Amino acid sequence: MPQSSALASLEFAAIAPARAVDEIAAQVREMIATGRLKPGDRLPSERDLSARLHVSRNTLREALRALEHAGIIEMRKGATGGAFVRSGSSGVIVNGLRDLYHLGAITPEQLTEARVWMSEIVVRIACERATEEDFAALDANIEAAAKAADFDERARHNREFHVILARATRNPIMVITMESIMAVFAHFIAKIGPSDNSFILPSRRRFMKHLRARDAAAAAAEMKKALARLQTKYMDQWSARSAAAAGR
């Protein structure tokens, strides 16, 4: 069946006005969950969809904005534009974790602790699954960090190293989780300011020898040692910053 015919046959239920926005979003989510809407599909036109749902176009637009903000659809402009189902993005999870951190639901201690635990899991899986292409990407990252002009650039490369390593697991959940942790870390580091991380570069090079040898125990131990040292530095800086702020 042509895509246009399939989408035209989608049966949207009329919406109760009191919870219109939520119900519209729920219907679209359900259609995606059941496979009636797939990534890349275009929703019916605004005029058509508002008529099927028995809602105003303003209400429909609000629901579509909510779905777009949730990363479910994307709105495209122009003659071939409209509301399209997205193929998926980690951005919503990244933003959600970042919001939780800013709201105080996640503490710096919990953040640094989670990074240590998560990294150990990633390292052990990467030791089994990493390819030569992964090794090359990690090596390139290390060299970029070595040539970084300042702390911020070096720290950015150091965070990206963990994301590249997570990709070597071939598991999108690992990648999304690590991306989220590193995104929050960027904000945390920006708050506490620069610290001495010169020991990371030689540690990374030792780590790569273990990774290439597929020695999961040695690679995990090297990573844990480096991250534990960073964690101590970060928490000392955070405590000093908090004490200074309290004394003002």
C-alpha atoms as a PDB file:
ATOM      1  CA  MET A   1       0.000   0.000   0.000  1.00  0.00           C
ATOM      2  CA  PRO A   2       1.424   3.441  -0.919  1.00  0.00           C
ATOM      3  CA  GLN A   3       2.472   5.498   2.083  1.00  0.00           C
ATOM      4  CA  SER A   4      -0.041   8.265   1.334  1.00  0.00           C
ATOM      5  CA  SER A   5      -2.906   5.744   1.298  1.00  0.00           C
ATOM      6  CA  ALA A   6      -1.734   4.104   4.509  1.00  0.00           C
ATOM      7  CA  LEU A   7      -1.514   7.410   6.333  1.00  0.00           C
ATOM      8  CA  ALA A   8      -4.883   8.523   4.996  1.00  0.00           C
ATOM      9  CA  SER A   9      -6.438   5.429   6.572  1.00  0.00           C
ATOM     10  CA  LEU A  10      -5.136   6.183  10.059  1.00  0.00           C
ATOM     11  CA  GLU A  11      -8.083   6.443  12.417  1.00  0.00           C
ATOM     12  CA  PHE A  12      -7.679   9.258  14.904  1.00  0.00           C
ATOM     13  CA  ALA A  13     -10.295   9.433  17.672  1.00  0.00           C
ATOM     14  CA  ALA A  14     -12.131  12.643  18.529  1.00  0.00           C
ATOM     15  CA  ILE A  15     -10.540  14.427  21.480  1.00  0.00           C
ATOM     16  CA  ALA A  16     -12.085  15.577  24.764  1.00  0.00           C
ATOM     17  CA  PRO A  17     -11.359  19.332  25.026  1.00  0.00           C
ATOM     18  CA  ALA A  18     -10.202  19.301  28.672  1.00  0.00           C
ATOM     19  CA  ARG A  19      -7.128  17.163  27.966  1.00  0.00           C
ATOM     20  CA  ALA A  20      -6.833  17.740  24.254  1.00  0.00           C
ATOM     21  CA  VAL A  21      -3.082  18.335  24.030  1.00  0.00           C
ATOM     22  CA  ASP A  22      -2.208  15.278  26.141  1.00  0.00           C
ATOM     23  CA  GLU A  23      -4.646  13.038  24.288  1.00  0.00           C
ATOM     24  CA  ILE A  24      -3.371  14.059  20.858  1.00  0.00           C
ATOM     25  CA  ALA A  25       0.190  13.315  21.924  1.00  0.00           C
ATOM     26  CA  ALA A  26      -0.892   9.985  23.420  1.00  0.00           C
ATOM     27  CA  GLN A  27      -2.589   8.936  20.168  1.00  0.00           C
ATOM     28  CA  VAL A  28       0.493   9.729  18.098  1.00  0.00           C
ATOM     29  CA  ARG A  29       2.725   7.849  20.556  1.00  0.00           C
ATOM     30  CA  GLU A  30       0.405   4.843  20.455  1.00  0.00           C
ATOM     31  CA  MET A  31       0.442   4.792  16.656  1.00  0.00           C
ATOM     32  CA  ILE A  32       4.229   4.802  16.703  1.00  0.00           C
ATOM     33  CA  ALA A  33       4.286   2.038  19.335  1.00  0.00           C
ATOM     34  CA  THR A  34       1.975  -0.170  17.265  1.00  0.00           C
ATOM     35  CA  GLY A  35       3.801   0.502  14.010  1.00  0.00           C
ATOM     36  CA  ARG A  36       1.019   2.420  12.308  1.00  0.00           C
ATOM     37  CA  LEU A  37       3.361   5.404  12.198  1.00  0.00           C
ATOM     38  CA  LYS A  38       7.026   4.791  11.438  1.00  0.00           C
ATOM     39  CA  PRO A  39      10.164   6.954  11.431  1.00  0.00           C
ATOM     40  CA  GLY A  40      10.068   9.221   8.393  1.00  0.00           C
ATOM     41  CA  ASP A  41       6.268   9.164   8.071  1.00  0.00           C
ATOM     42  CA  ARG A  42       4.529  12.486   7.647  1.00  0.00           C
ATOM     43  CA  LEU A  43       1.458  13.133   9.751  1.00  0.00           C
ATOM     44  CA  PRO A  44      -1.685  14.322   7.976  1.00  0.00           C
ATOM     45  CA  SER A  45      -1.849  18.031   7.244  1.00  0.00           C
ATOM     46  CA  GLU A  46      -2.740  20.395  10.055  1.00  0.00           C
ATOM     47  CA  ARG A  47      -6.141  21.092   8.534  1.00  0.00           C
ATOM     48  CA  ASP A  48      -6.921  17.409   7.983  1.00  0.00           C
ATOM     49  CA  LEU A  49      -5.676  16.297  11.384  1.00  0.00           C
ATOM     50  CA  SER A  50      -7.518  18.992  13.344  1.00  0.00           C
ATOM     51  CA  ALA A  51     -10.740  17.988  11.556  1.00  0.00           C
ATOM     52  CA  ARG A  52     -10.237  14.294  12.357  1.00  0.00           C
ATOM     53  CA  LEU A  53      -9.502  15.046  16.002  1.00  0.00           C
ATOM     54  CA  HIS A  54     -12.290  17.622  16.347  1.00  0.00           C
ATOM     55  CA  VAL A  55      -9.917  20.173  17.853  1.00  0.00           C
ATOM     56  CA  SER A  56      -8.875  23.672  16.896  1.00  0.00           C
ATOM     57  CA  ARG A  57      -5.715  24.151  14.890  1.00  0.00           C
ATOM     58  CA  ASN A  58      -4.217  26.109  17.786  1.00  0.00           C
ATOM     59  CA  THR A  59      -4.732  23.128  20.102  1.00  0.00           C
ATOM     60  CA  LEU A  60      -3.224  20.812  17.509  1.00  0.00           C
ATOM     61  CA  ARG A  61      -0.194  23.077  17.109  1.00  0.00           C
ATOM     62  CA  GLU A  62       0.358  23.020  20.867  1.00  0.00           C
ATOM     63  CA  ALA A  63       0.266  19.212  20.850  1.00  0.00           C
ATOM     64  CA  LEU A  64       2.676  19.043  17.921  1.00  0.00           C
ATOM     65  CA  ARG A  65       5.050  21.421  19.697  1.00  0.00           C
ATOM     66  CA  ALA A  66       4.962  19.143  22.743  1.00  0.00           C
ATOM     67  CA  LEU A  67       5.750  16.113  20.579  1.00  0.00           C
ATOM     68  CA  GLU A  68       8.563  18.000  18.881  1.00  0.00           C
ATOM     69  CA  HIS A  69      10.012  19.036  22.235  1.00  0.00           C
ATOM     70  CA  ALA A  70       9.860  15.377  23.322  1.00  0.00           C
ATOM     71  CA  GLY A  71      11.861  14.374  20.251  1.00  0.00           C
ATOM     72  CA  ILE A  72       9.008  12.325  18.753  1.00  0.00           C
ATOM     73  CA  ILE A  73       8.432  14.436  15.649  1.00  0.00           C
ATOM     74  CA  GLU A  74      10.165  17.239  13.813  1.00  0.00           C
ATOM     75  CA  MET A  75       8.458  20.147  12.101  1.00  0.00           C
ATOM     76  CA  ARG A  76       9.729  21.004   8.629  1.00  0.00           C
ATOM     77  CA  LYS A  77       8.904  24.168   6.735  1.00  0.00           C
ATOM     78  CA  GLY A  78       8.195  24.715   3.063  1.00  0.00           C
ATOM     79  CA  ALA A  79       6.043  23.108   0.394  1.00  0.00           C
ATOM     80  CA  THR A  80       7.171  19.612   1.383  1.00  0.00           C
ATOM     81  CA  GLY A  81       7.122  20.402   5.091  1.00  0.00           C
ATOM     82  CA  GLY A  82       4.886  19.240   7.884  1.00  0.00           C
ATOM     83  CA  ALA A  83       5.147  17.048  10.965  1.00  0.00           C
ATOM     84  CA  PHE A  84       7.418  14.027  10.485  1.00  0.00           C
ATOM     85  CA  VAL A  85       8.080  11.125  12.844  1.00  0.00           C
ATOM     86  CA  ARG A  86      11.721  11.191  13.922  1.00  0.00           C
ATOM     87  CA  SER A  87      14.027   8.209  13.833  1.00  0.00           C
ATOM     88  CA  GLY A  88      15.070   8.816  17.431  1.00  0.00           C
ATOM     89  CA  SER A  89      17.463  11.096  19.271  1.00  0.00           C
ATOM     90  CA  SER A  90      19.353  11.008  22.556  1.00  0.00           C
ATOM     91  CA  GLY A  91      18.805  14.737  22.982  1.00  0.00           C
ATOM     92  CA  VAL A  92      15.682  14.347  25.104  1.00  0.00           C
ATOM     93  CA  ILE A  93      17.428  12.035  27.573  1.00  0.00           C
ATOM     94  CA  VAL A  94      20.508  14.240  27.656  1.00  0.00           C
ATOM     95  CA  ASN A  95      18.391  17.316  28.369  1.00  0.00           C
ATOM     96  CA  GLY A  96      16.331  15.439  30.949  1.00  0.00           C
ATOM     97  CA  LEU A  97      19.378  14.347  32.927  1.00  0.00           C
ATOM     98  CA  ARG A  98      20.835  17.835  32.693  1.00  0.00           C
ATOM     99  CA  ASP A  99      17.589  19.315  34.011  1.00  0.00           C
ATOM    100  CA  LEU A 100      17.578  16.855  36.925  1.00  0.00           C
ATOM    101  CA  TYR A 101      21.101  17.943  37.801  1.00  0.00           C
ATOM    102  CA  HIS A 102      20.240  21.642  37.681  1.00  0.00           C
ATOM    103  CA  LEU A 103      17.132  21.015  39.803  1.00  0.00           C
ATOM    104  CA  GLY A 104      19.232  19.308  42.457  1.00  0.00           C
ATOM    105  CA  ALA A 105      17.791  15.825  41.953  1.00  0.00           C
ATOM    106  CA  ILE A 106      21.295  14.610  41.050  1.00  0.00           C
ATOM    107  CA  THR A 107      24.221  15.645  43.234  1.00  0.00           C
ATOM    108  CA  PRO A 108      27.819  16.114  42.066  1.00  0.00           C
ATOM    109  CA  GLU A 109      28.787  13.098  44.194  1.00  0.00           C
ATOM    110  CA  GLN A 110      26.203  10.920  42.455  1.00  0.00           C
ATOM    111  CA  LEU A 111      27.263  12.216  39.058  1.00  0.00           C
ATOM    112  CA  THR A 112      30.961  11.460  39.521  1.00  0.00           C
ATOM    113  CA  GLU A 113      30.177   8.114  41.138  1.00  0.00           C
ATOM    114  CA  ALA A 114      27.916   7.068  38.265  1.00  0.00           C
ATOM    115  CA  ARG A 115      30.619   7.956  35.759  1.00  0.00           C
ATOM    116  CA  VAL A 116      33.095   5.625  37.469  1.00  0.00           C
ATOM    117  CA  TRP A 117      30.616   2.736  37.554  1.00  0.00           C
ATOM    118  CA  MET A 118      29.340   3.266  34.026  1.00  0.00           C
ATOM    119  CA  SER A 119      32.841   3.573  32.604  1.00  0.00           C
ATOM    120  CA  GLU A 120      33.877   0.219  34.042  1.00  0.00           C
ATOM    121  CA  ILE A 121      30.953  -1.510  32.330  1.00  0.00           C
ATOM    122  CA  VAL A 122      31.689   0.255  29.034  1.00  0.00           C
ATOM    123  CA  VAL A 123      35.388  -0.659  29.180  1.00  0.00           C
ATOM    124  CA  ARG A 124      34.684  -4.350  29.720  1.00  0.00           C
ATOM    125  CA  ILE A 125      32.254  -4.518  26.797  1.00  0.00           C
ATOM    126  CA  ALA A 126      34.495  -2.432  24.535  1.00  0.00           C
ATOM    127  CA  CYS A 127      37.368  -4.837  25.201  1.00  0.00           C
ATOM    128  CA  GLU A 128      35.262  -7.528  23.545  1.00  0.00           C
ATOM    129  CA  ARG A 129      33.716  -5.529  20.705  1.00  0.00           C
ATOM    130  CA  ALA A 130      36.030  -2.663  19.737  1.00  0.00           C
ATOM    131  CA  THR A 131      37.312  -2.688  16.156  1.00  0.00           C
ATOM    132  CA  GLU A 132      40.415  -1.208  14.560  1.00  0.00           C
ATOM    133  CA  GLU A 133      38.268   1.755  13.537  1.00  0.00           C
ATOM    134  CA  ASP A 134      37.357   2.293  17.185  1.00  0.00           C
ATOM    135  CA  PHE A 135      41.007   2.095  18.209  1.00  0.00           C
ATOM    136  CA  ALA A 136      41.881   4.671  15.544  1.00  0.00           C
ATOM    137  CA  ALA A 137      39.123   7.036  16.721  1.00  0.00           C
ATOM    138  CA  LEU A 138      40.283   6.749  20.326  1.00  0.00           C
ATOM    139  CA  ASP A 139      43.926   7.313  19.346  1.00  0.00           C
ATOM    140  CA  ALA A 140      42.931  10.394  17.336  1.00  0.00           C
ATOM    141  CA  ASN A 141      41.032  11.726  20.333  1.00  0.00           C
ATOM    142  CA  ILE A 142      44.063  11.256  22.608  1.00  0.00           C
ATOM    143  CA  GLU A 143      46.308  13.115  20.176  1.00  0.00           C
ATOM    144  CA  ALA A 144      43.769  15.932  19.857  1.00  0.00           C
ATOM    145  CA  ALA A 145      43.691  16.242  23.650  1.00  0.00           C
ATOM    146  CA  ALA A 146      47.503  16.307  23.736  1.00  0.00           C
ATOM    147  CA  LYS A 147      47.508  19.240  21.304  1.00  0.00           C
ATOM    148  CA  ALA A 148      44.697  21.147  23.026  1.00  0.00           C
ATOM    149  CA  ALA A 149      45.476  24.813  23.559  1.00  0.00           C
ATOM    150  CA  ASP A 150      43.747  25.157  26.924  1.00  0.00           C
ATOM    151  CA  PHE A 151      41.976  23.306  29.728  1.00  0.00           C
ATOM    152  CA  ASP A 152      38.476  23.652  28.270  1.00  0.00           C
ATOM    153  CA  GLU A 153      39.478  22.160  24.929  1.00  0.00           C
ATOM    154  CA  ARG A 154      41.404  19.347  26.594  1.00  0.00           C
ATOM    155  CA  ALA A 155      38.486  18.596  28.928  1.00  0.00           C
ATOM    156  CA  ARG A 156      36.108  18.476  25.957  1.00  0.00           C
ATOM    157  CA  HIS A 157      38.299  15.903  24.217  1.00  0.00           C
ATOM    158  CA  ASN A 158      38.574  13.921  27.442  1.00  0.00           C
ATOM    159  CA  ARG A 159      34.779  13.762  27.737  1.00  0.00           C
ATOM    160  CA  GLU A 160      34.433  12.784  24.082  1.00  0.00           C
ATOM    161  CA  PHE A 161      36.851   9.895  24.689  1.00  0.00           C
ATOM    162  CA  HIS A 162      34.230   8.258  26.915  1.00  0.00           C
ATOM    163  CA  VAL A 163      31.522   8.669  24.270  1.00  0.00           C
ATOM    164  CA  ILE A 164      33.743   7.157  21.550  1.00  0.00           C
ATOM    165  CA  LEU A 165      34.505   4.269  23.877  1.00  0.00           C
ATOM    166  CA  ALA A 166      30.788   3.786  24.552  1.00  0.00           C
ATOM    167  CA  ARG A 167      30.140   3.587  20.795  1.00  0.00           C
ATOM    168  CA  ALA A 168      32.574   0.672  20.685  1.00  0.00           C
ATOM    169  CA  THR A 169      30.080  -1.347  22.763  1.00  0.00           C
ATOM    170  CA  ARG A 170      27.667  -1.288  19.799  1.00  0.00           C
ATOM    171  CA  ASN A 171      24.852  -0.698  22.274  1.00  0.00           C
ATOM    172  CA  PRO A 172      22.861   2.527  21.832  1.00  0.00           C
ATOM    173  CA  ILE A 173      21.739   2.527  25.468  1.00  0.00           C
ATOM    174  CA  MET A 174      25.363   2.659  26.579  1.00  0.00           C
ATOM    175  CA  VAL A 175      26.034   5.484  24.124  1.00  0.00           C
ATOM    176  CA  ILE A 176      22.998   7.525  25.163  1.00  0.00           C
ATOM    177  CA  THR A 177      23.749   7.056  28.854  1.00  0.00           C
ATOM    178  CA  MET A 178      27.372   8.098  28.436  1.00  0.00           C
ATOM    179  CA  GLU A 179      26.411  11.086  26.271  1.00  0.00           C
ATOM    180  CA  SER A 180      24.004  12.174  28.999  1.00  0.00           C
ATOM    181  CA  ILE A 181      26.554  11.826  31.788  1.00  0.00           C
ATOM    182  CA  MET A 182      29.191  13.702  29.797  1.00  0.00           C
ATOM    183  CA  ALA A 183      26.747  16.499  28.934  1.00  0.00           C
ATOM    184  CA  VAL A 184      26.027  17.048  32.627  1.00  0.00           C
ATOM    185  CA  PHE A 185      29.745  16.822  33.373  1.00  0.00           C
ATOM    186  CA  ALA A 186      30.388  19.698  30.984  1.00  0.00           C
ATOM    187  CA  HIS A 187      28.172  21.923  33.146  1.00  0.00           C
ATOM    188  CA  PHE A 188      29.711  20.614  36.364  1.00  0.00           C
ATOM    189  CA  ILE A 189      33.266  21.314  35.168  1.00  0.00           C
ATOM    190  CA  ALA A 190      32.258  24.777  33.967  1.00  0.00           C
ATOM    191  CA  LYS A 191      31.088  25.561  37.508  1.00  0.00           C
ATOM    192  CA  ILE A 192      34.095  24.278  39.445  1.00  0.00           C
ATOM    193  CA  GLY A 193      36.683  25.584  36.980  1.00  0.00           C
ATOM    194  CA  PRO A 194      39.985  24.165  35.675  1.00  0.00           C
ATOM    195  CA  SER A 195      41.907  21.462  37.526  1.00  0.00           C
ATOM    196  CA  ASP A 196      45.139  19.570  36.981  1.00  0.00           C
ATOM    197  CA  ASN A 197      44.312  16.713  34.620  1.00  0.00           C
ATOM    198  CA  SER A 198      47.790  16.279  33.146  1.00  0.00           C
ATOM    199  CA  PHE A 199      47.906  12.688  34.410  1.00  0.00           C
ATOM    200  CA  ILE A 200      45.026  11.729  32.106  1.00  0.00           C
ATOM    201  CA  LEU A 201      47.093  11.675  28.903  1.00  0.00           C
ATOM    202  CA  PRO A 202      49.634   9.034  30.034  1.00  0.00           C
ATOM    203  CA  SER A 203      46.784   7.087  31.629  1.00  0.00           C
ATOM    204  CA  ARG A 204      44.882   7.079  28.331  1.00  0.00           C
ATOM    205  CA  ARG A 205      47.915   5.689  26.515  1.00  0.00           C
ATOM    206  CA  ARG A 206      48.347   2.901  29.068  1.00  0.00           C
ATOM    207  CA  PHE A 207      44.644   2.219  28.776  1.00  0.00           C
ATOM    208  CA  MET A 208      44.857   1.852  25.000  1.00  0.00           C
ATOM    209  CA  LYS A 209      47.566  -0.811  25.319  1.00  0.00           C
ATOM    210  CA  HIS A 210      45.272  -2.849  27.557  1.00  0.00           C
ATOM    211  CA  LEU A 211      42.274  -2.253  25.286  1.00  0.00           C
ATOM    212  CA  ARG A 212      44.137  -3.434  22.199  1.00  0.00           C
ATOM    213  CA  ALA A 213      45.306  -6.512  24.113  1.00  0.00           C
ATOM    214  CA  ARG A 214      41.652  -7.196  25.042  1.00  0.00           C
ATOM    215  CA  ASP A 215      42.725  -7.235  28.691  1.00  0.00           C
ATOM    216  CA  ALA A 216      39.458  -6.135  30.270  1.00  0.00           C
ATOM    217  CA  ALA A 217      40.662  -6.359  33.871  1.00  0.00           C
ATOM    218  CA  ALA A 218      43.757  -4.227  33.259  1.00  0.00           C
ATOM    219  CA  ALA A 219      41.870  -1.706  31.091  1.00  0.00           C
ATOM    220  CA  ALA A 220      39.080  -1.351  33.663  1.00  0.00           C
ATOM    221  CA  ALA A 221      41.607  -0.950  36.482  1.00  0.00           C
ATOM    222  CA  GLU A 222      43.488   1.786  34.601  1.00  0.00           C
ATOM    223  CA  MET A 223      40.276   3.649  33.821  1.00  0.00           C
ATOM    224  CA  LYS A 224      38.972   3.328  37.384  1.00  0.00           C
ATOM    225  CA  LYS A 225      42.249   4.586  38.855  1.00  0.00           C
ATOM    226  CA  ALA A 226      42.266   7.689  36.640  1.00  0.00           C
ATOM    227  CA  LEU A 227      38.594   8.474  37.228  1.00  0.00           C
ATOM    228  CA  ALA A 228      38.905   7.979  40.992  1.00  0.00           C
ATOM    229  CA  ARG A 229      41.752  10.488  41.023  1.00  0.00           C
ATOM    230  CA  LEU A 230      39.671  12.940  39.009  1.00  0.00           C
ATOM    231  CA  GLN A 231      36.689  12.367  41.275  1.00  0.00           C
ATOM    232  CA  THR A 232      38.736  13.317  44.338  1.00  0.00           C
ATOM    233  CA  LYS A 233      39.953  16.497  42.645  1.00  0.00           C
ATOM    234  CA  TYR A 234      36.483  17.445  41.456  1.00  0.00           C
ATOM    235  CA  MET A 235      34.840  16.917  44.835  1.00  0.00           C
ATOM    236  CA  ASP A 236      37.579  18.869  46.629  1.00  0.00           C
ATOM    237  CA  GLN A 237      37.001  21.763  44.223  1.00  0.00           C
ATOM    238  CA  TRP A 238      33.238  21.490  44.611  1.00  0.00           C
ATOM    239  CA  SER A 239      33.489  21.515  48.414  1.00  0.00           C
ATOM    240  CA  ALA A 240      35.792  24.542  48.337  1.00  0.00           C
ATOM    241  CA  ARG A 241      33.449  26.362  45.966  1.00  0.00           C
ATOM    242  CA  SER A 242      30.395  25.543  48.104  1.00  0.00           C
ATOM    243  CA  ALA A 243      32.170  26.676  51.282  1.00  0.00           C
ATOM    244  CA  ALA A 244      33.185  29.949  49.645  1.00  0.00           C
ATOM    245  CA  ALA A 245      29.633  30.553  48.447  1.00  0.00           C
ATOM    246  CA  ALA A 246      28.237  29.835  51.922  1.00  0.00           C
ATOM    247  CA  GLY A 247      30.647  32.323  53.484  1.00  0.00           C
ATOM    248  CA  ARG A 248      29.524  35.224  51.358  1.00  0.00           C
END
